[in-house]
C-alpha atoms as a PDB file:
ATOM      1  CA  MET A   1       8.469  18.817 -12.505  1.00  0.00           C
ATOM      2  CA  LEU A   2       4.932  17.781 -11.575  1.00  0.00           C
ATOM      3  CA  LYS A   3       5.480  14.383 -13.396  1.00  0.00           C
ATOM      4  CA  LEU A   4       8.698  13.819 -11.310  1.00  0.00           C
ATOM      5  CA  ILE A   5       6.879  14.587  -7.980  1.00  0.00           C
ATOM      6  CA  SER A   6       4.096  12.335  -9.197  1.00  0.00           C
ATOM      7  CA  ASP A   7       6.487   9.504  -9.829  1.00  0.00           C
ATOM      8  CA  ILE A   8       8.139   9.922  -6.541  1.00  0.00           C
ATOM      9  CA  MET A   9       4.947   9.701  -4.673  1.00  0.00           C
ATOM     10  CA  ILE A  10       3.862   6.574  -6.703  1.00  0.00           C
ATOM     11  CA  ILE A  11       6.959   4.789  -5.903  1.00  0.00           C
ATOM     12  CA  PHE A  12       6.539   5.759  -2.297  1.00  0.00           C
ATOM     13  CA  VAL A  13       3.277   3.970  -2.398  1.00  0.00           C
ATOM     14  CA  ALA A  14       4.630   0.978  -4.073  1.00  0.00           C
ATOM     15  CA  VAL A  15       7.628   0.735  -1.747  1.00  0.00           C
ATOM     16  CA  GLU A  16       5.395   1.249   1.329  1.00  0.00           C
ATOM     17  CA  ALA A  17       2.924  -1.434   0.130  1.00  0.00           C
ATOM     18  CA  LEU A  18       6.079  -3.726   0.032  1.00  0.00           C
ATOM     19  CA  PHE A  19       7.274  -2.729   3.252  1.00  0.00           C
ATOM     20  CA  ILE A  20       3.941  -3.482   4.895  1.00  0.00           C
ATOM     21  CA  MET A  21       4.071  -6.964   2.960  1.00  0.00           C
ATOM     22  CA  LEU A  22       7.329  -7.699   4.695  1.00  0.00           C
ATOM     23  CA  LEU A  23       6.219  -6.552   7.922  1.00  0.00           C
ATOM     24  CA  GLU A  24       2.957  -8.542   7.743  1.00  0.00           C
ATOM     25  CA  MET A  25       4.483 -11.713   6.188  1.00  0.00           C
ATOM     26  CA  PHE A  26       7.925 -11.907   8.106  1.00  0.00           C
ATOM     27  CA  GLY A  27       7.707  -9.632  11.030  1.00  0.00           C
ATOM     28  CA  SER A  28       4.191  -9.918  12.472  1.00  0.00           C
ATOM     29  CA  THR A  29       5.129 -10.459  15.873  1.00  0.00           C
ATOM     30  CA  SER A  30       7.802  -7.742  16.019  1.00  0.00           C
ATOM     31  CA  LYS A  31       7.528  -4.367  18.226  1.00  0.00           C
ATOM     32  CA  LEU A  32       7.158  -2.598  15.053  1.00  0.00           C
ATOM     33  CA  ALA A  33       4.316  -4.528  13.757  1.00  0.00           C
ATOM     34  CA  GLN A  34       2.636  -4.294  17.152  1.00  0.00           C
ATOM     35  CA  LYS A  35       2.910  -0.507  16.861  1.00  0.00           C
ATOM     36  CA  ALA A  36       2.205  -0.074  13.414  1.00  0.00           C
ATOM     37  CA  PHE A  37      -0.935  -2.287  13.470  1.00  0.00           C
ATOM     38  CA  ASP A  38      -1.919  -1.393  16.984  1.00  0.00           C
ATOM     39  CA  LEU A  39      -2.243  -5.253  17.953  1.00  0.00           C
ATOM     40  CA  ASP A  40      -1.581  -7.028  21.067  1.00  0.00           C
ATOM     41  CA  LEU A  41       1.416  -9.574  21.025  1.00  0.00           C
ATOM     42  CA  ASP A  42      -0.745 -12.301  22.401  1.00  0.00           C
ATOM     43  CA  TYR A  43      -3.024 -11.788  19.369  1.00  0.00           C
ATOM     44  CA  LEU A  44      -0.285 -11.684  16.913  1.00  0.00           C
ATOM     45  CA  ASN A  45       1.165 -14.932  18.333  1.00  0.00           C
ATOM     46  CA  GLN A  46      -1.990 -16.890  17.584  1.00  0.00           C
ATOM     47  CA  PRO A  47      -1.504 -19.274  14.603  1.00  0.00           C
ATOM     48  CA  GLU A  48      -4.685 -18.007  12.800  1.00  0.00           C
ATOM     49  CA  ALA A  49      -3.561 -14.263  13.056  1.00  0.00           C
ATOM     50  CA  LYS A  50      -0.188 -14.973  11.845  1.00  0.00           C
ATOM     51  CA  VAL A  51      -1.705 -16.800   8.907  1.00  0.00           C
ATOM     52  CA  SER A  52      -4.156 -13.727   8.168  1.00  0.00           C
ATOM     53  CA  MET A  53      -1.258 -11.348   8.625  1.00  0.00           C
ATOM     54  CA  GLN A  54       0.608 -13.264   6.025  1.00  0.00           C
ATOM     55  CA  ASN A  55      -2.317 -13.456   3.702  1.00  0.00           C
ATOM     56  CA  GLN A  56      -2.826  -9.667   3.970  1.00  0.00           C
ATOM     57  CA  GLY A  57       1.062  -9.078   3.308  1.00  0.00           C
ATOM     58  CA  LEU A  58       0.694 -11.116  -0.010  1.00  0.00           C
ATOM     59  CA  TYR A  59      -1.931  -8.877  -1.170  1.00  0.00           C
ATOM     60  CA  ASN A  60       0.136  -5.717  -0.192  1.00  0.00           C
ATOM     61  CA  GLY A  61       2.996  -7.164  -2.190  1.00  0.00           C
ATOM     62  CA  PHE A  62       0.856  -7.710  -5.228  1.00  0.00           C
ATOM     63  CA  ILE A  63      -0.183  -4.073  -4.946  1.00  0.00           C
ATOM     64  CA  GLY A  64       3.303  -2.689  -4.561  1.00  0.00           C
ATOM     65  CA  LEU A  65       4.810  -5.029  -7.229  1.00  0.00           C
ATOM     66  CA  GLY A  66       1.914  -4.258  -9.559  1.00  0.00           C
ATOM     67  CA  ILE A  67       2.603  -0.512  -9.358  1.00  0.00           C
ATOM     68  CA  LEU A  68       6.347  -0.777 -10.048  1.00  0.00           C
ATOM     69  CA  LEU A  69       5.693  -3.184 -12.929  1.00  0.00           C
ATOM     70  CA  VAL A  70       3.164  -0.971 -14.393  1.00  0.00           C
ATOM     71  CA  ARG A  71       5.400   2.148 -13.958  1.00  0.00           C
ATOM     72  CA  PHE A  72       8.582   0.601 -15.380  1.00  0.00           C
ATOM     73  CA  ALA A  73       7.692  -2.297 -17.550  1.00  0.00           C
ATOM     74  CA  PHE A  74       4.294  -1.547 -19.237  1.00  0.00           C
ATOM     75  CA  PRO A  75       4.015   0.154 -22.767  1.00  0.00           C
ATOM     76  CA  VAL A  76       3.612   3.922 -22.472  1.00  0.00           C
ATOM     77  CA  ASP A  77       0.034   4.007 -23.441  1.00  0.00           C
ATOM     78  CA  ALA A  78      -0.831   1.582 -20.482  1.00  0.00           C
ATOM     79  CA  ILE A  79       1.092   3.273 -17.622  1.00  0.00           C
ATOM     80  CA  TYR A  80      -1.450   5.797 -16.781  1.00  0.00           C
ATOM     81  CA  PRO A  81      -4.544   3.624 -16.797  1.00  0.00           C
ATOM     82  CA  GLY A  82      -2.623   1.034 -14.895  1.00  0.00           C
ATOM     83  CA  LEU A  83      -1.303   3.378 -12.217  1.00  0.00           C
ATOM     84  CA  LEU A  84      -4.837   4.754 -11.773  1.00  0.00           C
ATOM     85  CA  LEU A  85      -6.095   1.081 -11.159  1.00  0.00           C
ATOM     86  CA  PHE A  86      -3.436   0.298  -8.708  1.00  0.00           C
ATOM     87  CA  ILE A  87      -3.554   3.546  -6.825  1.00  0.00           C
ATOM     88  CA  VAL A  88      -7.451   3.523  -6.583  1.00  0.00           C
ATOM     89  CA  PHE A  89      -6.926  -0.068  -5.205  1.00  0.00           C
ATOM     90  CA  VAL A  90      -4.782   1.332  -2.323  1.00  0.00           C
ATOM     91  CA  ILE A  91      -7.228   4.143  -1.435  1.00  0.00           C
ATOM     92  CA  ILE A  92     -10.135   1.670  -1.606  1.00  0.00           C
ATOM     93  CA  ALA A  93      -8.208  -0.722   0.907  1.00  0.00           C
ATOM     94  CA  ALA A  94      -7.273   2.300   3.089  1.00  0.00           C
ATOM     95  CA  LEU A  95     -10.795   3.456   3.552  1.00  0.00           C
ATOM     96  CA  PHE A  96     -12.009  -0.075   4.246  1.00  0.00           C
ATOM     97  CA  GLY A  97      -8.978  -0.504   6.662  1.00  0.00           C
ATOM     98  CA  ALA A  98      -9.973   2.775   8.398  1.00  0.00           C
ATOM     99  CA  ILE A  99     -13.545   1.831   8.733  1.00  0.00           C
ATOM    100  CA  THR A 100     -12.928  -1.758   9.769  1.00  0.00           C
ATOM    101  CA  ALA A 101      -9.572  -2.028  11.486  1.00  0.00           C
ATOM    102  CA  ASN A 102      -7.784   1.181  12.440  1.00  0.00           C
ATOM    103  CA  LYS A 103      -8.457   4.796  11.628  1.00  0.00           C
ATOM    104  CA  LYS A 104      -4.834   5.647  11.141  1.00  0.00           C
ATOM    105  CA  ILE A 105      -4.624   3.625   7.934  1.00  0.00           C
ATOM    106  CA  ILE A 106      -6.386   6.310   6.164  1.00  0.00           C
ATOM    107  CA  PHE A 107      -3.521   8.619   6.941  1.00  0.00           C
ATOM    108  CA  THR A 108      -0.665   6.098   6.891  1.00  0.00           C
ATOM    109  CA  GLN A 109      -1.550   4.397   3.616  1.00  0.00           C
ATOM    110  CA  GLY A 110      -4.550   6.355   2.192  1.00  0.00           C
ATOM    111  CA  LEU A 111      -3.106   9.811   2.252  1.00  0.00           C
ATOM    112  CA  PRO A 112      -0.100   9.024   0.212  1.00  0.00           C
ATOM    113  CA  ALA A 113      -2.114   7.160  -2.254  1.00  0.00           C
ATOM    114  CA  ILE A 114      -4.726  10.089  -2.512  1.00  0.00           C
ATOM    115  CA  ILE A 115      -1.804  12.570  -3.062  1.00  0.00           C
ATOM    116  CA  SER A 116      -0.589  10.295  -5.629  1.00  0.00           C
ATOM    117  CA  LEU A 117      -3.804  10.093  -7.468  1.00  0.00           C
ATOM    118  CA  ILE A 118      -4.234  13.990  -7.411  1.00  0.00           C
ATOM    119  CA  LEU A 119      -0.756  14.197  -8.798  1.00  0.00           C
ATOM    120  CA  LEU A 120      -1.403  11.639 -11.513  1.00  0.00           C
ATOM    121  CA  LEU A 121      -4.391  13.130 -12.605  1.00  0.00           C
ATOM    122  CA  ILE A 122      -3.043  16.662 -12.791  1.00  0.00           C
ATOM    123  CA  SER A 123       0.225  15.819 -14.420  1.00  0.00           C
ATOM    124  CA  HIS A 124      -1.562  13.674 -17.277  1.00  0.00           C
ATOM    125  CA  GLN A 125      -3.396  16.615 -18.577  1.00  0.00           C
END
């Protein structure tokens, strides 16, 4: 049962990263993006900001896809270390984002990843 809960949380982290990718790459000037990233529309409409958001989105997409690929396509003996790697990447990015951009990132992106990491560690024993 713990393994199932761990898998659900890991998939949630991956889907969240893919959703953020879509928002940053294709919806950076939407009301949802303004609220999610706590950024002003005037800023988001600047060409430099759009490019920066798209770049960040691409990286979020790599993380989300990487998690799903590791979980569902890697050989069994590579799943655990691969998931540890990607989940720790999300936690590090969330910590850095909370320090440099917006403190709520540690809760919105970091907390699900931290919970996933704990469940992954416990369920692997």
